[in-house]
PDB file of N, CA and C in Angstrom:
ATOM      1  N   MET A   1      96.317  60.367  -1.929  1.00  0.00           N
ATOM      2  CA  MET A   1      96.399  60.995  -0.627  1.00  0.00           C
ATOM      3  C   MET A   1      95.324  62.077  -0.541  1.00  0.00           C
ATOM      4  N   LYS A   2      94.564  62.022   0.554  1.00  0.00           N
ATOM      5  CA  LYS A   2      93.541  63.034   0.788  1.00  0.00           C
ATOM      6  C   LYS A   2      93.885  63.803   2.052  1.00  0.00           C
ATOM      7  N   LYS A   3      93.711  65.124   2.010  1.00  0.00           N
ATOM      8  CA  LYS A   3      93.908  65.979   3.176  1.00  0.00           C
ATOM      9  C   LYS A   3      92.536  66.359   3.700  1.00  0.00           C
ATOM     10  N   ILE A   4      92.369  66.256   5.022  1.00  0.00           N
ATOM     11  CA  ILE A   4      91.069  66.483   5.638  1.00  0.00           C
ATOM     12  C   ILE A   4      91.233  67.402   6.834  1.00  0.00           C
ATOM     13  N   GLU A   5      90.302  68.344   6.964  1.00  0.00           N
ATOM     14  CA  GLU A   5      90.232  69.187   8.148  1.00  0.00           C
ATOM     15  C   GLU A   5      89.139  68.600   9.042  1.00  0.00           C
ATOM     16  N   VAL A   6      89.521  68.186  10.249  1.00  0.00           N
ATOM     17  CA  VAL A   6      88.590  67.572  11.188  1.00  0.00           C
ATOM     18  C   VAL A   6      88.360  68.538  12.342  1.00  0.00           C
ATOM     19  N   VAL A   7      87.092  68.822  12.630  1.00  0.00           N
ATOM     20  CA  VAL A   7      86.732  69.712  13.731  1.00  0.00           C
ATOM     21  C   VAL A   7      86.147  68.857  14.852  1.00  0.00           C
ATOM     22  N   ARG A   8      86.823  68.899  16.010  1.00  0.00           N
ATOM     23  CA  ARG A   8      86.354  68.201  17.204  1.00  0.00           C
ATOM     24  C   ARG A   8      86.110  69.233  18.300  1.00  0.00           C
ATOM     25  N   THR A   9      85.579  68.805  19.408  1.00  0.00           N
ATOM     26  CA  THR A   9      85.326  69.732  20.512  1.00  0.00           C
ATOM     27  C   THR A   9      86.619  70.295  21.079  1.00  0.00           C
ATOM     28  N   ASP A  10      87.727  69.581  20.915  1.00  0.00           N
ATOM     29  CA  ASP A  10      89.007  70.041  21.459  1.00  0.00           C
ATOM     30  C   ASP A  10      89.904  70.722  20.428  1.00  0.00           C
ATOM     31  N   GLY A  11      89.376  71.043  19.246  1.00  0.00           N
ATOM     32  CA  GLY A  11      90.166  71.788  18.276  1.00  0.00           C
ATOM     33  C   GLY A  11      89.940  71.363  16.840  1.00  0.00           C
ATOM     34  N   VAL A  12      90.750  71.958  15.970  1.00  0.00           N
ATOM     35  CA  VAL A  12      90.718  71.678  14.535  1.00  0.00           C
ATOM     36  C   VAL A  12      92.023  70.980  14.182  1.00  0.00           C
ATOM     37  N   PHE A  13      91.928  69.894  13.426  1.00  0.00           N
ATOM     38  CA  PHE A  13      93.087  69.072  13.123  1.00  0.00           C
ATOM     39  C   PHE A  13      93.216  68.844  11.625  1.00  0.00           C
ATOM     40  N   GLU A  14      94.434  68.926  11.131  1.00  0.00           N
ATOM     41  CA  GLU A  14      94.732  68.598   9.737  1.00  0.00           C
ATOM     42  C   GLU A  14      95.166  67.134   9.696  1.00  0.00           C
ATOM     43  N   VAL A  15      94.493  66.352   8.866  1.00  0.00           N
ATOM     44  CA  VAL A  15      94.711  64.911   8.813  1.00  0.00           C
ATOM     45  C   VAL A  15      94.911  64.490   7.361  1.00  0.00           C
ATOM     46  N   LEU A  16      95.801  63.540   7.153  1.00  0.00           N
ATOM     47  CA  LEU A  16      95.978  62.927   5.837  1.00  0.00           C
ATOM     48  C   LEU A  16      95.512  61.481   5.898  1.00  0.00           C
ATOM     49  N   ILE A  17      95.035  60.965   4.782  1.00  0.00           N
ATOM     50  CA  ILE A  17      94.824  59.533   4.632  1.00  0.00           C
ATOM     51  C   ILE A  17      95.948  59.066   3.728  1.00  0.00           C
ATOM     52  N   LEU A  18      96.845  58.260   4.276  1.00  0.00           N
ATOM     53  CA  LEU A  18      98.010  57.817   3.510  1.00  0.00           C
ATOM     54  C   LEU A  18      98.028  56.300   3.360  1.00  0.00           C
ATOM     55  N   GLN A  19      98.489  55.880   2.190  1.00  0.00           N
ATOM     56  CA  GLN A  19      98.634  54.454   1.925  1.00  0.00           C
ATOM     57  C   GLN A  19      99.934  53.953   2.545  1.00  0.00           C
ATOM     58  N   HIS A  20      99.875  52.767   3.149  1.00  0.00           N
ATOM     59  CA  HIS A  20     101.078  52.155   3.703  1.00  0.00           C
ATOM     60  C   HIS A  20     102.015  51.777   2.561  1.00  0.00           C
ATOM     61  N   LYS A  21     103.282  51.971   2.767  1.00  0.00           N
ATOM     62  CA  LYS A  21     104.277  51.688   1.729  1.00  0.00           C
ATOM     63  C   LYS A  21     104.263  50.202   1.384  1.00  0.00           C
ATOM     64  N   GLY A  22     104.070  49.906   0.103  1.00  0.00           N
ATOM     65  CA  GLY A  22     104.101  48.539  -0.387  1.00  0.00           C
ATOM     66  C   GLY A  22     102.872  47.714  -0.045  1.00  0.00           C
ATOM     67  N   LYS A  23     101.824  48.352   0.468  1.00  0.00           N
ATOM     68  CA  LYS A  23     100.606  47.624   0.835  1.00  0.00           C
ATOM     69  C   LYS A  23      99.392  48.366   0.291  1.00  0.00           C
ATOM     70  N   SER A  24      98.267  47.673   0.278  1.00  0.00           N
ATOM     71  CA  SER A  24      97.022  48.323  -0.145  1.00  0.00           C
ATOM     72  C   SER A  24      96.165  48.636   1.080  1.00  0.00           C
ATOM     73  N   GLU A  25      96.802  49.197   2.102  1.00  0.00           N
ATOM     74  CA  GLU A  25      96.121  49.608   3.327  1.00  0.00           C
ATOM     75  C   GLU A  25      96.364  51.095   3.556  1.00  0.00           C
ATOM     76  N   TYR A  26      95.421  51.728   4.251  1.00  0.00           N
ATOM     77  CA  TYR A  26      95.478  53.167   4.500  1.00  0.00           C
ATOM     78  C   TYR A  26      95.295  53.449   5.983  1.00  0.00           C
ATOM     79  N   SER A  27      95.883  54.551   6.448  1.00  0.00           N
ATOM     80  CA  SER A  27      95.698  55.013   7.826  1.00  0.00           C
ATOM     81  C   SER A  27      95.617  56.528   7.846  1.00  0.00           C
ATOM     82  N   PHE A  28      95.048  57.045   8.947  1.00  0.00           N
ATOM     83  CA  PHE A  28      95.030  58.480   9.181  1.00  0.00           C
ATOM     84  C   PHE A  28      96.366  58.908   9.776  1.00  0.00           C
ATOM     85  N   VAL A  29      96.882  60.036   9.302  1.00  0.00           N
ATOM     86  CA  VAL A  29      98.058  60.662   9.891  1.00  0.00           C
ATOM     87  C   VAL A  29      97.617  62.049  10.334  1.00  0.00           C
ATOM     88  N   ASN A  30      97.606  62.271  11.642  1.00  0.00           N
ATOM     89  CA  ASN A  30      97.199  63.560  12.200  1.00  0.00           C
ATOM     90  C   ASN A  30      98.412  64.477  12.187  1.00  0.00           C
ATOM     91  N   LEU A  31      98.440  65.417  11.255  1.00  0.00           N
ATOM     92  CA  LEU A  31      99.571  66.332  11.116  1.00  0.00           C
ATOM     93  C   LEU A  31      99.643  67.313  12.283  1.00  0.00           C
ATOM     94  N   THR A  32      98.502  67.681  12.834  1.00  0.00           N
ATOM     95  CA  THR A  32      98.461  68.641  13.925  1.00  0.00           C
ATOM     96  C   THR A  32      99.086  68.067  15.190  1.00  0.00           C
ATOM     97  N   LYS A  33      98.789  66.810  15.489  1.00  0.00           N
ATOM     98  CA  LYS A  33      99.285  66.183  16.716  1.00  0.00           C
ATOM     99  C   LYS A  33     100.540  65.334  16.482  1.00  0.00           C
ATOM    100  N   GLY A  34     100.920  65.131  15.224  1.00  0.00           N
ATOM    101  CA  GLY A  34     102.077  64.287  14.927  1.00  0.00           C
ATOM    102  C   GLY A  34     101.828  62.840  15.322  1.00  0.00           C
ATOM    103  N   HIS A  35     100.659  62.325  14.945  1.00  0.00           N
ATOM    104  CA  HIS A  35     100.229  60.997  15.378  1.00  0.00           C
ATOM    105  C   HIS A  35      99.746  60.186  14.182  1.00  0.00           C
ATOM    106  N   ILE A  36     100.112  58.908  14.137  1.00  0.00           N
ATOM    107  CA  ILE A  36      99.590  57.989  13.136  1.00  0.00           C
ATOM    108  C   ILE A  36      98.566  57.104  13.831  1.00  0.00           C
ATOM    109  N   CYS A  37      97.351  57.119  13.332  1.00  0.00           N
ATOM    110  CA  CYS A  37      96.284  56.320  13.911  1.00  0.00           C
ATOM    111  C   CYS A  37      96.550  54.838  13.652  1.00  0.00           C
ATOM    112  N   PRO A  38      96.345  53.975  14.651  1.00  0.00           N
ATOM    113  CA  PRO A  38      96.560  52.543  14.441  1.00  0.00           C
ATOM    114  C   PRO A  38      95.473  51.889  13.582  1.00  0.00           C
ATOM    115  N   CYS A  39      94.398  52.616  13.297  1.00  0.00           N
ATOM    116  CA  CYS A  39      93.326  52.085  12.451  1.00  0.00           C
ATOM    117  C   CYS A  39      93.856  51.824  11.047  1.00  0.00           C
ATOM    118  N   VAL A  40      93.399  50.741  10.438  1.00  0.00           N
ATOM    119  CA  VAL A  40      93.815  50.397   9.079  1.00  0.00           C
ATOM    120  C   VAL A  40      92.561  50.187   8.241  1.00  0.00           C
ATOM    121  N   PHE A  41      92.572  50.760   7.042  1.00  0.00           N
ATOM    122  CA  PHE A  41      91.424  50.690   6.137  1.00  0.00           C
ATOM    123  C   PHE A  41      91.868  50.122   4.789  1.00  0.00           C
ATOM    124  N   GLY A  42      90.926  49.510   4.090  1.00  0.00           N
ATOM    125  CA  GLY A  42      91.220  48.932   2.781  1.00  0.00           C
ATOM    126  C   GLY A  42      91.236  49.939   1.652  1.00  0.00           C
ATOM    127  N   SER A  43      90.692  51.139   1.911  1.00  0.00           N
ATOM    128  CA  SER A  43      90.662  52.176   0.876  1.00  0.00           C
ATOM    129  C   SER A  43      90.468  53.539   1.537  1.00  0.00           C
ATOM    130  N   GLU A  44      90.702  54.591   0.761  1.00  0.00           N
ATOM    131  CA  GLU A  44      90.432  55.944   1.257  1.00  0.00           C
ATOM    132  C   GLU A  44      88.948  56.110   1.552  1.00  0.00           C
ATOM    133  N   GLN A  45      88.095  55.480   0.745  1.00  0.00           N
ATOM    134  CA  GLN A  45      86.657  55.585   0.944  1.00  0.00           C
ATOM    135  C   GLN A  45      86.236  54.963   2.275  1.00  0.00           C
ATOM    136  N   GLU A  46      86.854  53.857   2.666  1.00  0.00           N
ATOM    137  CA  GLU A  46      86.563  53.244   3.965  1.00  0.00           C
ATOM    138  C   GLU A  46      86.976  54.170   5.103  1.00  0.00           C
ATOM    139  N   ALA A  47      88.091  54.850   4.948  1.00  0.00           N
ATOM    140  CA  ALA A  47      88.563  55.784   5.976  1.00  0.00           C
ATOM    141  C   ALA A  47      87.580  56.953   6.115  1.00  0.00           C
ATOM    142  N   ILE A  48      87.091  57.475   5.002  1.00  0.00           N
ATOM    143  CA  ILE A  48      86.122  58.568   5.048  1.00  0.00           C
ATOM    144  C   ILE A  48      84.803  58.085   5.651  1.00  0.00           C
ATOM    145  N   ALA A  49      84.408  56.858   5.353  1.00  0.00           N
ATOM    146  CA  ALA A  49      83.199  56.296   5.962  1.00  0.00           C
ATOM    147  C   ALA A  49      83.362  56.203   7.479  1.00  0.00           C
ATOM    148  N   ASP A  50      84.565  55.917   7.952  1.00  0.00           N
ATOM    149  CA  ASP A  50      84.831  55.887   9.385  1.00  0.00           C
ATOM    150  C   ASP A  50      84.650  57.276   9.997  1.00  0.00           C
ATOM    151  N   LEU A  51      85.116  58.309   9.300  1.00  0.00           N
ATOM    152  CA  LEU A  51      84.901  59.683   9.770  1.00  0.00           C
ATOM    153  C   LEU A  51      83.410  59.994   9.863  1.00  0.00           C
ATOM    154  N   GLU A  52      82.664  59.524   8.897  1.00  0.00           N
ATOM    155  CA  GLU A  52      81.220  59.773   8.896  1.00  0.00           C
ATOM    156  C   GLU A  52      80.562  59.115  10.117  1.00  0.00           C
ATOM    157  N   ARG A  53      81.012  57.924  10.473  1.00  0.00           N
ATOM    158  CA  ARG A  53      80.483  57.262  11.679  1.00  0.00           C
ATOM    159  C   ARG A  53      80.797  58.082  12.932  1.00  0.00           C
ATOM    160  N   TYR A  54      82.010  58.610  13.009  1.00  0.00           N
ATOM    161  CA  TYR A  54      82.388  59.452  14.151  1.00  0.00           C
ATOM    162  C   TYR A  54      81.555  60.728  14.197  1.00  0.00           C
ATOM    163  N   LYS A  55      81.224  61.254  13.041  1.00  0.00           N
ATOM    164  CA  LYS A  55      80.390  62.458  12.984  1.00  0.00           C
ATOM    165  C   LYS A  55      78.980  62.142  13.473  1.00  0.00           C
ATOM    166  N   LYS A  56      78.433  61.027  13.038  1.00  0.00           N
ATOM    167  CA  LYS A  56      77.073  60.647  13.434  1.00  0.00           C
ATOM    168  C   LYS A  56      76.964  60.370  14.926  1.00  0.00           C
ATOM    169  N   ASN A  57      78.008  59.806  15.530  1.00  0.00           N
ATOM    170  CA  ASN A  57      77.931  59.512  16.967  1.00  0.00           C
ATOM    171  C   ASN A  57      78.428  60.673  17.834  1.00  0.00           C
ATOM    172  N   GLY A  58      78.773  61.807  17.201  1.00  0.00           N
ATOM    173  CA  GLY A  58      79.121  63.015  17.937  1.00  0.00           C
ATOM    174  C   GLY A  58      80.566  63.137  18.389  1.00  0.00           C
ATOM    175  N   ARG A  59      81.426  62.204  18.006  1.00  0.00           N
ATOM    176  CA  ARG A  59      82.826  62.283  18.421  1.00  0.00           C
ATOM    177  C   ARG A  59      83.607  63.349  17.664  1.00  0.00           C
ATOM    178  N   ILE A  60      83.131  63.691  16.452  1.00  0.00           N
ATOM    179  CA  ILE A  60      83.665  64.849  15.747  1.00  0.00           C
ATOM    180  C   ILE A  60      82.493  65.723  15.324  1.00  0.00           C
ATOM    181  N   LYS A  61      82.757  67.032  15.241  1.00  0.00           N
ATOM    182  CA  LYS A  61      81.687  67.964  14.838  1.00  0.00           C
ATOM    183  C   LYS A  61      81.491  67.954  13.332  1.00  0.00           C
ATOM    184  N   SER A  62      82.609  68.008  12.603  1.00  0.00           N
ATOM    185  CA  SER A  62      82.533  68.027  11.144  1.00  0.00           C
ATOM    186  C   SER A  62      83.893  67.686  10.563  1.00  0.00           C
ATOM    187  N   TYR A  63      83.903  67.461   9.272  1.00  0.00           N
ATOM    188  CA  TYR A  63      85.162  67.269   8.546  1.00  0.00           C
ATOM    189  C   TYR A  63      84.977  67.776   7.134  1.00  0.00           C
ATOM    190  N   LYS A  64      86.098  68.156   6.536  1.00  0.00           N
ATOM    191  CA  LYS A  64      86.067  68.687   5.170  1.00  0.00           C
ATOM    192  C   LYS A  64      87.249  68.119   4.401  1.00  0.00           C
ATOM    193  N   VAL A  65      86.956  67.379   3.330  1.00  0.00           N
ATOM    194  CA  VAL A  65      88.002  66.839   2.469  1.00  0.00           C
ATOM    195  C   VAL A  65      88.469  67.955   1.566  1.00  0.00           C
ATOM    196  N   LYS A  66      89.773  68.191   1.537  1.00  0.00           N
ATOM    197  CA  LYS A  66      90.322  69.289   0.732  1.00  0.00           C
ATOM    198  C   LYS A  66      90.909  68.770  -0.550  1.00  0.00           C
TER     199      LYS A  66
END
């Protein structure tokens, strides 16, 4: 499990990357908004790569893995 601080134009969000129970899939859980992202990734590294894509296209300002 990785905890990430995501900075967007509309605020700062605490997010976890959690593995689905009994599966080898991962999703983002936004602790700040109480939301589970419908996106599914094969690994934590794939999820972080997705954040990097969002950063490059300007949808998020920055993120920090804690």
